[in-house]
Amino acid sequence: MHDSPLIVRYIYWLVFGILMFGLALAGARTGELRGRFGEVAYRAKNPKRFWWSLAFYCLAGVGFIVEFLYKVHAFSN
């Protein structure tokens, strides 16, 4: 299979994407997220910071996954 070195080369994009999206899902479930500069944002105490951090984690996770798919499929065509 000729695509395997390409996938191995960009697998870190996929790993970071899954990690970020997993952190977003875990934070949405528990109600607390690690925010900027290591601060913890709680859904009940400071909802604005919590939802902005959750949106960042989701967008970053999806962005990393899309970047992986773009790198793997765009270069293989």
PDB file of N, CA and C in Angstrom:
ATOM      1  N   MET A   1       0.854  -1.173   0.000  1.00  0.00           N
ATOM      2  CA  MET A   1       0.000   0.000   0.000  1.00  0.00           C
ATOM      3  C   MET A   1       0.899   1.235   0.000  1.00  0.00           C
ATOM      4  N   HIS A   2       0.722   2.111  -0.947  1.00  0.00           N
ATOM      5  CA  HIS A   2       1.611   3.255  -1.101  1.00  0.00           C
ATOM      6  C   HIS A   2       1.248   4.449  -0.233  1.00  0.00           C
ATOM      7  N   ASP A   3       0.078   4.449   0.396  1.00  0.00           N
ATOM      8  CA  ASP A   3      -0.330   5.583   1.229  1.00  0.00           C
ATOM      9  C   ASP A   3       0.154   5.476   2.668  1.00  0.00           C
ATOM     10  N   SER A   4       0.658   4.341   3.085  1.00  0.00           N
ATOM     11  CA  SER A   4       1.010   4.166   4.491  1.00  0.00           C
ATOM     12  C   SER A   4       2.117   5.109   4.971  1.00  0.00           C
ATOM     13  N   PRO A   5       3.189   5.403   4.218  1.00  0.00           N
ATOM     14  CA  PRO A   5       4.167   6.378   4.732  1.00  0.00           C
ATOM     15  C   PRO A   5       3.569   7.773   4.877  1.00  0.00           C
ATOM     16  N   LEU A   6       2.638   8.115   4.002  1.00  0.00           N
ATOM     17  CA  LEU A   6       1.998   9.421   4.086  1.00  0.00           C
ATOM     18  C   LEU A   6       1.111   9.523   5.318  1.00  0.00           C
ATOM     19  N   ILE A   7       0.389   8.467   5.613  1.00  0.00           N
ATOM     20  CA  ILE A   7      -0.471   8.464   6.804  1.00  0.00           C
ATOM     21  C   ILE A   7       0.381   8.528   8.066  1.00  0.00           C
ATOM     22  N   VAL A   8       1.460   7.775   8.113  1.00  0.00           N
ATOM     23  CA  VAL A   8       2.345   7.791   9.284  1.00  0.00           C
ATOM     24  C   VAL A   8       2.961   9.176   9.467  1.00  0.00           C
ATOM     25  N   ARG A   9       3.259   9.841   8.367  1.00  0.00           N
ATOM     26  CA  ARG A   9       3.878  11.168   8.449  1.00  0.00           C
ATOM     27  C   ARG A   9       2.934  12.206   9.072  1.00  0.00           C
ATOM     28  N   TYR A  10       1.646  12.097   8.807  1.00  0.00           N
ATOM     29  CA  TYR A  10       0.684  13.089   9.292  1.00  0.00           C
ATOM     30  C   TYR A  10      -0.248  12.556  10.373  1.00  0.00           C
ATOM     31  N   ILE A  11       0.084  11.431  10.979  1.00  0.00           N
ATOM     32  CA  ILE A  11      -0.796  10.839  11.983  1.00  0.00           C
ATOM     33  C   ILE A  11      -0.936  11.727  13.222  1.00  0.00           C
ATOM     34  N   TYR A  12       0.058  12.606  13.463  1.00  0.00           N
ATOM     35  CA  TYR A  12      -0.020  13.483  14.633  1.00  0.00           C
ATOM     36  C   TYR A  12      -1.182  14.464  14.530  1.00  0.00           C
ATOM     37  N   TRP A  13      -1.545  14.874  13.335  1.00  0.00           N
ATOM     38  CA  TRP A  13      -2.711  15.747  13.168  1.00  0.00           C
ATOM     39  C   TRP A  13      -3.971  15.039  13.648  1.00  0.00           C
ATOM     40  N   LEU A  14      -4.096  13.772  13.290  1.00  0.00           N
ATOM     41  CA  LEU A  14      -5.258  13.006  13.701  1.00  0.00           C
ATOM     42  C   LEU A  14      -5.267  12.778  15.208  1.00  0.00           C
ATOM     43  N   VAL A  15      -4.122  12.480  15.783  1.00  0.00           N
ATOM     44  CA  VAL A  15      -4.032  12.245  17.225  1.00  0.00           C
ATOM     45  C   VAL A  15      -4.399  13.511  18.000  1.00  0.00           C
ATOM     46  N   PHE A  16      -3.863  14.657  17.584  1.00  0.00           N
ATOM     47  CA  PHE A  16      -4.202  15.919  18.261  1.00  0.00           C
ATOM     48  C   PHE A  16      -5.680  16.250  18.098  1.00  0.00           C
ATOM     49  N   GLY A  17      -6.239  15.974  16.938  1.00  0.00           N
ATOM     50  CA  GLY A  17      -7.656  16.229  16.713  1.00  0.00           C
ATOM     51  C   GLY A  17      -8.544  15.391  17.604  1.00  0.00           C
ATOM     52  N   ILE A  18      -8.228  14.108  17.702  1.00  0.00           N
ATOM     53  CA  ILE A  18      -9.022  13.228  18.562  1.00  0.00           C
ATOM     54  C   ILE A  18      -8.856  13.623  20.024  1.00  0.00           C
ATOM     55  N   LEU A  19      -7.646  13.995  20.415  1.00  0.00           N
ATOM     56  CA  LEU A  19      -7.405  14.432  21.791  1.00  0.00           C
ATOM     57  C   LEU A  19      -8.204  15.693  22.128  1.00  0.00           C
ATOM     58  N   MET A  20      -8.154  16.693  21.251  1.00  0.00           N
ATOM     59  CA  MET A  20      -8.879  17.938  21.518  1.00  0.00           C
ATOM     60  C   MET A  20     -10.388  17.712  21.541  1.00  0.00           C
ATOM     61  N   PHE A  21     -10.882  16.928  20.590  1.00  0.00           N
ATOM     62  CA  PHE A  21     -12.317  16.657  20.563  1.00  0.00           C
ATOM     63  C   PHE A  21     -12.737  15.818  21.763  1.00  0.00           C
ATOM     64  N   GLY A  22     -11.887  14.902  22.200  1.00  0.00           N
ATOM     65  CA  GLY A  22     -12.174  14.120  23.401  1.00  0.00           C
ATOM     66  C   GLY A  22     -12.193  14.978  24.658  1.00  0.00           C
ATOM     67  N   LEU A  23     -11.273  15.943  24.737  1.00  0.00           N
ATOM     68  CA  LEU A  23     -11.294  16.870  25.877  1.00  0.00           C
ATOM     69  C   LEU A  23     -12.568  17.700  25.890  1.00  0.00           C
ATOM     70  N   ALA A  24     -13.032  18.098  24.712  1.00  0.00           N
ATOM     71  CA  ALA A  24     -14.277  18.860  24.636  1.00  0.00           C
ATOM     72  C   ALA A  24     -15.468  18.015  25.092  1.00  0.00           C
ATOM     73  N   LEU A  25     -15.521  16.775  24.665  1.00  0.00           N
ATOM     74  CA  LEU A  25     -16.624  15.905  25.082  1.00  0.00           C
ATOM     75  C   LEU A  25     -16.578  15.610  26.579  1.00  0.00           C
ATOM     76  N   ALA A  26     -15.379  15.380  27.109  1.00  0.00           N
ATOM     77  CA  ALA A  26     -15.254  15.128  28.544  1.00  0.00           C
ATOM     78  C   ALA A  26     -15.622  16.366  29.349  1.00  0.00           C
ATOM     79  N   GLY A  27     -15.222  17.534  28.875  1.00  0.00           N
ATOM     80  CA  GLY A  27     -15.569  18.771  29.569  1.00  0.00           C
ATOM     81  C   GLY A  27     -17.052  19.059  29.524  1.00  0.00           C
ATOM     82  N   ALA A  28     -17.686  18.775  28.401  1.00  0.00           N
ATOM     83  CA  ALA A  28     -19.131  18.983  28.306  1.00  0.00           C
ATOM     84  C   ALA A  28     -19.885  18.037  29.227  1.00  0.00           C
ATOM     85  N   ARG A  29     -19.345  16.854  29.410  1.00  0.00           N
ATOM     86  CA  ARG A  29     -20.013  15.886  30.268  1.00  0.00           C
ATOM     87  C   ARG A  29     -19.826  16.208  31.750  1.00  0.00           C
ATOM     88  N   THR A  30     -18.624  16.625  32.136  1.00  0.00           N
ATOM     89  CA  THR A  30     -18.348  16.875  33.550  1.00  0.00           C
ATOM     90  C   THR A  30     -18.688  18.294  33.996  1.00  0.00           C
ATOM     91  N   GLY A  31     -18.683  19.240  33.066  1.00  0.00           N
ATOM     92  CA  GLY A  31     -19.004  20.615  33.425  1.00  0.00           C
ATOM     93  C   GLY A  31     -17.804  21.447  33.834  1.00  0.00           C
ATOM     94  N   GLU A  32     -16.615  20.951  33.589  1.00  0.00           N
ATOM     95  CA  GLU A  32     -15.414  21.737  33.886  1.00  0.00           C
ATOM     96  C   GLU A  32     -14.384  21.517  32.792  1.00  0.00           C
ATOM     97  N   LEU A  33     -13.759  22.595  32.388  1.00  0.00           N
ATOM     98  CA  LEU A  33     -12.754  22.567  31.330  1.00  0.00           C
ATOM     99  C   LEU A  33     -11.534  23.351  31.763  1.00  0.00           C
ATOM    100  N   ARG A  34     -10.401  22.937  31.274  1.00  0.00           N
ATOM    101  CA  ARG A  34      -9.172  23.691  31.485  1.00  0.00           C
ATOM    102  C   ARG A  34      -9.189  24.838  30.490  1.00  0.00           C
ATOM    103  N   GLY A  35      -9.168  26.052  30.985  1.00  0.00           N
ATOM    104  CA  GLY A  35      -9.242  27.227  30.118  1.00  0.00           C
ATOM    105  C   GLY A  35      -7.878  27.785  29.790  1.00  0.00           C
ATOM    106  N   ARG A  36      -7.855  29.062  29.476  1.00  0.00           N
ATOM    107  CA  ARG A  36      -6.591  29.709  29.141  1.00  0.00           C
ATOM    108  C   ARG A  36      -5.693  29.792  30.365  1.00  0.00           C
ATOM    109  N   PHE A  37      -4.411  29.641  30.144  1.00  0.00           N
ATOM    110  CA  PHE A  37      -3.379  29.773  31.178  1.00  0.00           C
ATOM    111  C   PHE A  37      -3.601  28.825  32.355  1.00  0.00           C
ATOM    112  N   GLY A  38      -4.230  27.686  32.106  1.00  0.00           N
ATOM    113  CA  GLY A  38      -4.400  26.678  33.133  1.00  0.00           C
ATOM    114  C   GLY A  38      -5.557  26.909  34.083  1.00  0.00           C
ATOM    115  N   GLU A  39      -6.366  27.916  33.844  1.00  0.00           N
ATOM    116  CA  GLU A  39      -7.521  28.156  34.702  1.00  0.00           C
ATOM    117  C   GLU A  39      -8.609  27.140  34.386  1.00  0.00           C
ATOM    118  N   VAL A  40      -9.337  26.736  35.399  1.00  0.00           N
ATOM    119  CA  VAL A  40     -10.438  25.803  35.210  1.00  0.00           C
ATOM    120  C   VAL A  40     -11.723  26.603  35.086  1.00  0.00           C
ATOM    121  N   ALA A  41     -12.473  26.324  34.020  1.00  0.00           N
ATOM    122  CA  ALA A  41     -13.749  26.996  33.790  1.00  0.00           C
ATOM    123  C   ALA A  41     -14.871  26.024  34.130  1.00  0.00           C
ATOM    124  N   TYR A  42     -15.750  26.452  35.037  1.00  0.00           N
ATOM    125  CA  TYR A  42     -16.870  25.620  35.438  1.00  0.00           C
ATOM    126  C   TYR A  42     -18.137  26.115  34.747  1.00  0.00           C
ATOM    127  N   ARG A  43     -18.972  25.162  34.344  1.00  0.00           N
ATOM    128  CA  ARG A  43     -20.196  25.518  33.630  1.00  0.00           C
ATOM    129  C   ARG A  43     -21.151  26.317  34.514  1.00  0.00           C
ATOM    130  N   ALA A  44     -21.229  26.024  35.786  1.00  0.00           N
ATOM    131  CA  ALA A  44     -22.167  26.710  36.663  1.00  0.00           C
ATOM    132  C   ALA A  44     -21.634  28.055  37.149  1.00  0.00           C
ATOM    133  N   LYS A  45     -20.329  28.158  37.412  1.00  0.00           N
ATOM    134  CA  LYS A  45     -19.772  29.389  37.981  1.00  0.00           C
ATOM    135  C   LYS A  45     -19.505  30.464  36.937  1.00  0.00           C
ATOM    136  N   ASN A  46     -18.873  30.098  35.848  1.00  0.00           N
ATOM    137  CA  ASN A  46     -18.559  31.073  34.793  1.00  0.00           C
ATOM    138  C   ASN A  46     -18.880  30.471  33.430  1.00  0.00           C
ATOM    139  N   PRO A  47     -20.149  30.513  33.059  1.00  0.00           N
ATOM    140  CA  PRO A  47     -20.574  29.835  31.831  1.00  0.00           C
ATOM    141  C   PRO A  47     -19.984  30.433  30.550  1.00  0.00           C
ATOM    142  N   LYS A  48     -19.747  31.740  30.539  1.00  0.00           N
ATOM    143  CA  LYS A  48     -19.222  32.353  29.318  1.00  0.00           C
ATOM    144  C   LYS A  48     -17.829  31.802  28.993  1.00  0.00           C
ATOM    145  N   ARG A  49     -16.953  31.741  29.951  1.00  0.00           N
ATOM    146  CA  ARG A  49     -15.605  31.208  29.742  1.00  0.00           C
ATOM    147  C   ARG A  49     -15.663  29.713  29.413  1.00  0.00           C
ATOM    148  N   PHE A  50     -16.581  28.996  30.068  1.00  0.00           N
ATOM    149  CA  PHE A  50     -16.722  27.571  29.808  1.00  0.00           C
ATOM    150  C   PHE A  50     -17.124  27.309  28.368  1.00  0.00           C
ATOM    151  N   TRP A  51     -18.139  28.008  27.872  1.00  0.00           N
ATOM    152  CA  TRP A  51     -18.623  27.751  26.512  1.00  0.00           C
ATOM    153  C   TRP A  51     -17.625  28.223  25.461  1.00  0.00           C
ATOM    154  N   TRP A  52     -16.878  29.289  25.726  1.00  0.00           N
ATOM    155  CA  TRP A  52     -15.837  29.697  24.787  1.00  0.00           C
ATOM    156  C   TRP A  52     -14.710  28.671  24.738  1.00  0.00           C
ATOM    157  N   SER A  53     -14.336  28.134  25.879  1.00  0.00           N
ATOM    158  CA  SER A  53     -13.302  27.101  25.906  1.00  0.00           C
ATOM    159  C   SER A  53     -13.783  25.826  25.217  1.00  0.00           C
ATOM    160  N   LEU A  54     -15.030  25.473  25.443  1.00  0.00           N
ATOM    161  CA  LEU A  54     -15.592  24.292  24.791  1.00  0.00           C
ATOM    162  C   LEU A  54     -15.629  24.475  23.277  1.00  0.00           C
ATOM    163  N   ALA A  55     -16.029  25.647  22.819  1.00  0.00           N
ATOM    164  CA  ALA A  55     -16.045  25.925  21.381  1.00  0.00           C
ATOM    165  C   ALA A  55     -14.636  25.865  20.795  1.00  0.00           C
ATOM    166  N   PHE A  56     -13.660  26.378  21.528  1.00  0.00           N
ATOM    167  CA  PHE A  56     -12.276  26.316  21.052  1.00  0.00           C
ATOM    168  C   PHE A  56     -11.800  24.883  20.922  1.00  0.00           C
ATOM    169  N   TYR A  57     -12.063  24.061  21.937  1.00  0.00           N
ATOM    170  CA  TYR A  57     -11.643  22.665  21.885  1.00  0.00           C
ATOM    171  C   TYR A  57     -12.308  21.926  20.718  1.00  0.00           C
ATOM    172  N   CYS A  58     -13.598  22.154  20.518  1.00  0.00           N
ATOM    173  CA  CYS A  58     -14.308  21.490  19.418  1.00  0.00           C
ATOM    174  C   CYS A  58     -13.754  21.936  18.070  1.00  0.00           C
ATOM    175  N   LEU A  59     -13.594  23.232  17.890  1.00  0.00           N
ATOM    176  CA  LEU A  59     -13.090  23.731  16.608  1.00  0.00           C
ATOM    177  C   LEU A  59     -11.650  23.292  16.352  1.00  0.00           C
ATOM    178  N   ALA A  60     -10.837  23.285  17.388  1.00  0.00           N
ATOM    179  CA  ALA A  60      -9.455  22.839  17.217  1.00  0.00           C
ATOM    180  C   ALA A  60      -9.412  21.355  16.873  1.00  0.00           C
ATOM    181  N   GLY A  61     -10.227  20.557  17.533  1.00  0.00           N
ATOM    182  CA  GLY A  61     -10.266  19.127  17.239  1.00  0.00           C
ATOM    183  C   GLY A  61     -10.727  18.842  15.822  1.00  0.00           C
ATOM    184  N   VAL A  62     -11.794  19.482  15.413  1.00  0.00           N
ATOM    185  CA  VAL A  62     -12.281  19.294  14.047  1.00  0.00           C
ATOM    186  C   VAL A  62     -11.264  19.835  13.043  1.00  0.00           C
ATOM    187  N   GLY A  63     -10.622  20.943  13.365  1.00  0.00           N
ATOM    188  CA  GLY A  63      -9.618  21.511  12.470  1.00  0.00           C
ATOM    189  C   GLY A  63      -8.435  20.585  12.271  1.00  0.00           C
ATOM    190  N   PHE A  64      -7.941  19.969  13.345  1.00  0.00           N
ATOM    191  CA  PHE A  64      -6.832  19.031  13.218  1.00  0.00           C
ATOM    192  C   PHE A  64      -7.224  17.801  12.397  1.00  0.00           C
ATOM    193  N   ILE A  65      -8.432  17.305  12.609  1.00  0.00           N
ATOM    194  CA  ILE A  65      -8.883  16.132  11.855  1.00  0.00           C
ATOM    195  C   ILE A  65      -9.042  16.474  10.379  1.00  0.00           C
ATOM    196  N   VAL A  66      -9.608  17.641  10.077  1.00  0.00           N
ATOM    197  CA  VAL A  66      -9.758  18.066   8.683  1.00  0.00           C
ATOM    198  C   VAL A  66      -8.384  18.275   8.044  1.00  0.00           C
ATOM    199  N   GLU A  67      -7.449  18.831   8.786  1.00  0.00           N
ATOM    200  CA  GLU A  67      -6.095  19.018   8.258  1.00  0.00           C
ATOM    201  C   GLU A  67      -5.441  17.673   7.937  1.00  0.00           C
ATOM    202  N   PHE A  68      -5.637  16.687   8.803  1.00  0.00           N
ATOM    203  CA  PHE A  68      -5.118  15.346   8.527  1.00  0.00           C
ATOM    204  C   PHE A  68      -5.727  14.782   7.254  1.00  0.00           C
ATOM    205  N   LEU A  69      -7.038  14.873   7.127  1.00  0.00           N
ATOM    206  CA  LEU A  69      -7.692  14.341   5.932  1.00  0.00           C
ATOM    207  C   LEU A  69      -7.244  15.085   4.684  1.00  0.00           C
ATOM    208  N   TYR A  70      -7.051  16.387   4.792  1.00  0.00           N
ATOM    209  CA  TYR A  70      -6.582  17.153   3.642  1.00  0.00           C
ATOM    210  C   TYR A  70      -5.166  16.742   3.246  1.00  0.00           C
ATOM    211  N   LYS A  71      -4.292  16.602   4.232  1.00  0.00           N
ATOM    212  CA  LYS A  71      -2.900  16.242   3.931  1.00  0.00           C
ATOM    213  C   LYS A  71      -2.815  14.853   3.303  1.00  0.00           C
ATOM    214  N   VAL A  72      -3.578  13.920   3.837  1.00  0.00           N
ATOM    215  CA  VAL A  72      -3.490  12.540   3.347  1.00  0.00           C
ATOM    216  C   VAL A  72      -4.152  12.398   1.973  1.00  0.00           C
ATOM    217  N   HIS A  73      -5.336  12.963   1.804  1.00  0.00           N
ATOM    218  CA  HIS A  73      -6.065  12.745   0.561  1.00  0.00           C
ATOM    219  C   HIS A  73      -5.658  13.722  -0.546  1.00  0.00           C
ATOM    220  N   ALA A  74      -5.258  14.925  -0.206  1.00  0.00           N
ATOM    221  CA  ALA A  74      -4.879  15.880  -1.242  1.00  0.00           C
ATOM    222  C   ALA A  74      -3.551  15.489  -1.882  1.00  0.00           C
ATOM    223  N   PHE A  75      -2.621  14.997  -1.092  1.00  0.00           N
ATOM    224  CA  PHE A  75      -1.313  14.633  -1.638  1.00  0.00           C
ATOM    225  C   PHE A  75      -1.343  13.277  -2.334  1.00  0.00           C
ATOM    226  N   SER A  76      -2.333  12.445  -2.025  1.00  0.00           N
ATOM    227  CA  SER A  76      -2.371  11.138  -2.673  1.00  0.00           C
ATOM    228  C   SER A  76      -3.025  11.200  -4.058  1.00  0.00           C
ATOM    229  N   ASN A  77      -3.731  12.276  -4.354  1.00  0.00           N
ATOM    230  CA  ASN A  77      -4.373  12.387  -5.681  1.00  0.00           C
ATOM    231  C   ASN A  77      -3.437  12.952  -6.687  1.00  0.00           C
TER     232      ASN A  77
END
